[in-house]
């Protein structure tokens, strides 16, 4: 299926402002950074978690634990994804038990990725609680999942896709809406 770029909805500066705002909201809601850890869903969520952690550290002048979660084997569409799924390493080098976990992803859509991440996380321990931070919430939920922290709400049609592009992966920071080519 061919997609073409319809609109740019965030540039580098808008993305930086949204991540800084999310960092402030996380600090406020969690009353500081004690027992706080950010875990990004691989791939882009991991980079966003690092960026939010950097923002939090600038504000609070303290270190925040970060980790990377690979959910490949927890996906409910694994048989449809590809014949040989690419499983990468989960990198959580701390005990998540009794921690305030902020799960970070780039786009919240159906809620299925977040559900898979919750399943994967509980295999590592029992956190005090888990909150969800996303750069973009585009709606169209299939599961009862909502984000605690949202960079931008972007209503989309089912014929559109949201693509988050990050410097670390794509060579530039921006968020675009793609639409199916006719």
Protein backbone atom coordinates (compact mmCIF):
# COMPACT_ATOMS: atom_id res chain seq x y z
CA UNK A 1 0.00 0.00 0.00
CA UNK A 2 1.42 3.34 -1.06
CA UNK A 3 1.38 6.30 1.31
CA UNK A 4 2.22 9.90 0.47
CA UNK A 5 3.02 12.71 2.84
CA UNK A 6 -0.05 14.83 3.55
CA UNK A 7 1.12 17.24 6.25
CA UNK A 8 3.89 17.95 8.71
CA UNK A 9 2.36 18.32 12.16
CA UNK A 10 5.51 18.75 14.25
CA UNK A 11 8.95 20.07 13.49
CA UNK A 12 12.08 19.68 15.63
CA UNK A 13 11.25 22.65 17.88
CA UNK A 14 7.65 21.56 18.45
CA UNK A 15 8.86 18.07 19.31
CA UNK A 16 11.39 19.44 21.82
CA UNK A 17 8.71 21.61 23.45
CA UNK A 18 6.31 18.66 23.71
CA UNK A 19 8.97 16.43 25.29
CA UNK A 20 9.93 19.14 27.79
CA UNK A 21 6.25 19.62 28.70
CA UNK A 22 5.85 15.86 29.17
CA UNK A 23 8.95 15.89 31.42
CA UNK A 24 7.44 18.65 33.59
CA UNK A 25 4.11 16.78 33.80
CA UNK A 26 5.85 13.55 34.81
CA UNK A 27 7.77 15.33 37.58
CA UNK A 28 4.63 17.06 38.84
CA UNK A 29 2.36 14.00 38.79
CA UNK A 30 5.01 11.79 40.46
CA UNK A 31 6.07 14.46 42.99
CA UNK A 32 9.69 14.38 41.85
CA UNK A 33 11.92 11.63 40.52
CA UNK A 34 12.27 9.29 43.51
CA UNK A 35 11.85 5.66 42.30
CA UNK A 36 11.07 6.91 38.77
CA UNK A 37 12.18 4.99 35.67
CA UNK A 38 11.46 5.57 31.99
CA UNK A 39 11.25 2.54 29.72
CA UNK A 40 10.96 3.12 25.99
CA UNK A 41 9.30 0.69 23.62
CA UNK A 42 11.82 -0.23 20.96
CA UNK A 43 12.47 1.44 18.54
CA UNK A 44 11.44 5.09 18.56
CA UNK A 45 9.97 4.95 22.06
CA UNK A 46 13.44 4.12 23.37
CA UNK A 47 14.91 7.30 21.87
CA UNK A 48 12.01 9.38 23.15
CA UNK A 49 12.44 7.92 26.66
CA UNK A 50 16.11 8.98 26.62
CA UNK A 51 15.16 12.48 25.50
CA UNK A 52 12.49 12.84 28.19
CA UNK A 53 14.95 11.53 30.81
CA UNK A 54 17.46 14.18 29.69
CA UNK A 55 14.78 16.88 30.08
CA UNK A 56 13.86 15.59 33.55
CA UNK A 57 17.53 15.53 34.58
CA UNK A 58 17.96 19.16 33.46
CA UNK A 59 14.96 20.20 35.55
CA UNK A 60 15.57 18.08 38.65
CA UNK A 61 19.40 17.92 38.58
CA UNK A 62 19.23 14.18 39.26
CA UNK A 63 19.65 10.95 37.32
CA UNK A 64 16.62 9.02 36.05
CA UNK A 65 16.77 5.30 35.29
CA UNK A 66 16.04 4.39 31.67
CA UNK A 67 15.55 1.13 29.86
CA UNK A 68 14.50 -0.30 26.50
CA UNK A 69 11.73 -2.84 26.05
CA UNK A 70 11.44 -5.10 23.00
CA UNK A 71 7.87 -6.41 22.66
CA UNK A 72 8.27 -8.47 19.48
CA UNK A 73 7.47 -11.83 21.07
CA UNK A 74 4.48 -10.38 22.95
CA UNK A 75 2.66 -9.12 19.86
CA UNK A 76 -0.74 -10.63 19.13
CA UNK A 77 -0.16 -10.19 15.39
CA UNK A 78 3.19 -12.00 15.34
CA UNK A 79 2.03 -14.58 12.81
CA UNK A 80 0.95 -11.77 10.47
CA UNK A 81 3.98 -9.53 11.00
CA UNK A 82 6.54 -11.60 9.09
CA UNK A 83 7.82 -15.13 8.77
CA UNK A 84 10.96 -14.38 10.77
CA UNK A 85 10.36 -11.53 13.25
CA UNK A 86 13.38 -9.48 14.25
CA UNK A 87 13.75 -9.88 18.00
CA UNK A 88 16.07 -7.39 19.63
CA UNK A 89 17.32 -7.15 23.14
CA UNK A 90 15.37 -5.71 26.04
CA UNK A 91 17.76 -3.54 28.05
CA UNK A 92 16.47 -3.03 31.57
CA UNK A 93 19.47 -3.26 33.88
CA UNK A 94 17.62 -2.43 37.11
CA UNK A 95 14.91 -4.04 39.19
CA UNK A 96 11.54 -2.54 38.25
CA UNK A 97 9.87 -3.78 41.43
CA UNK A 98 8.29 -0.93 43.42
CA UNK A 99 9.39 1.61 40.78
CA UNK A 100 7.18 4.23 39.18
CA UNK A 101 7.50 3.16 35.54
CA UNK A 102 6.80 5.55 32.70
CA UNK A 103 6.35 3.52 29.53
CA UNK A 104 7.23 5.64 26.47
CA UNK A 105 6.15 5.19 22.85
CA UNK A 106 5.97 7.37 19.77
CA UNK A 107 2.35 6.89 18.63
CA UNK A 108 -0.69 5.60 20.49
CA UNK A 109 -3.17 4.14 18.02
CA UNK A 110 -5.13 0.92 18.71
CA UNK A 111 -3.60 0.33 22.15
CA UNK A 112 -2.24 -3.09 21.18
CA UNK A 113 1.42 -2.08 21.45
CA UNK A 114 0.85 -0.69 24.94
CA UNK A 115 -0.92 -3.91 25.97
CA UNK A 116 2.00 -5.99 24.70
CA UNK A 117 4.41 -3.76 26.60
CA UNK A 118 2.44 -4.21 29.82
CA UNK A 119 2.57 -7.99 29.37
CA UNK A 120 6.33 -7.82 28.77
CA UNK A 121 7.00 -5.50 31.72
CA UNK A 122 5.33 -7.68 34.33
CA UNK A 123 7.76 -10.47 33.39
CA UNK A 124 10.51 -8.25 34.85
CA UNK A 125 8.91 -7.55 38.21
CA UNK A 126 6.04 -5.77 39.91
CA UNK A 127 6.29 -1.99 39.59
CA UNK A 128 4.53 0.34 42.00
CA UNK A 129 2.57 1.53 38.96
CA UNK A 130 2.94 2.01 35.21
CA UNK A 131 2.06 5.20 33.36
CA UNK A 132 2.09 5.75 29.59
CA UNK A 133 3.70 8.68 27.77
CA UNK A 134 3.33 9.11 24.01
CA UNK A 135 4.44 11.80 21.61
CA UNK A 136 1.29 11.42 19.45
CA UNK A 137 -2.18 10.11 20.28
CA UNK A 138 -4.07 9.54 17.03
CA UNK A 139 -7.18 7.84 18.42
CA UNK A 140 -8.94 4.76 17.00
CA UNK A 141 -8.51 2.59 20.11
CA UNK A 142 -9.30 -1.12 19.93
CA UNK A 143 -8.41 -1.70 23.59
CA UNK A 144 -9.21 0.37 26.71
CA UNK A 145 -5.82 2.08 26.87
CA UNK A 146 -5.15 5.77 27.44
CA UNK A 147 -1.97 7.77 27.80
CA UNK A 148 -1.14 9.67 30.99
CA UNK A 149 1.11 12.08 29.08
CA UNK A 150 0.53 13.18 25.48
CA UNK A 151 2.71 15.42 23.34
CA UNK A 152 -0.04 16.09 20.80
CA UNK A 153 -3.51 14.74 20.03
CA UNK A 154 -3.87 14.25 16.29
CA UNK A 155 -7.29 13.13 15.05
CA UNK A 156 -6.76 10.98 11.96
CA UNK A 157 -8.85 8.98 9.54
CA UNK A 158 -8.33 5.25 9.15
CA UNK A 159 -6.82 5.95 5.71
CA UNK A 160 -4.03 7.98 7.29
CA UNK A 161 -0.89 7.02 9.17
CA UNK A 162 1.26 9.03 11.57
CA UNK A 163 5.00 8.75 11.15
CA UNK A 164 7.40 10.00 13.82
CA UNK A 165 10.83 10.64 12.37
CA UNK A 166 13.76 10.93 14.76
CA UNK A 167 17.29 12.16 14.18
CA UNK A 168 18.74 8.92 15.60
CA UNK A 169 16.88 6.73 13.08
CA UNK A 170 15.70 8.92 10.22
CA UNK A 171 18.22 11.78 10.15
CA UNK A 172 15.68 14.46 11.16
CA UNK A 173 13.09 15.24 13.81
CA UNK A 174 9.52 15.68 12.62
CA UNK A 175 6.07 14.13 12.71
CA UNK A 176 4.07 13.76 9.51
CA UNK A 177 0.67 12.48 8.48
CA UNK A 178 0.70 10.11 5.54
CA UNK A 179 -2.35 9.21 3.48
CA UNK A 180 -3.04 6.29 1.21
CA UNK A 181 -2.24 7.14 -2.37
CA UNK A 182 -5.10 6.82 -4.75
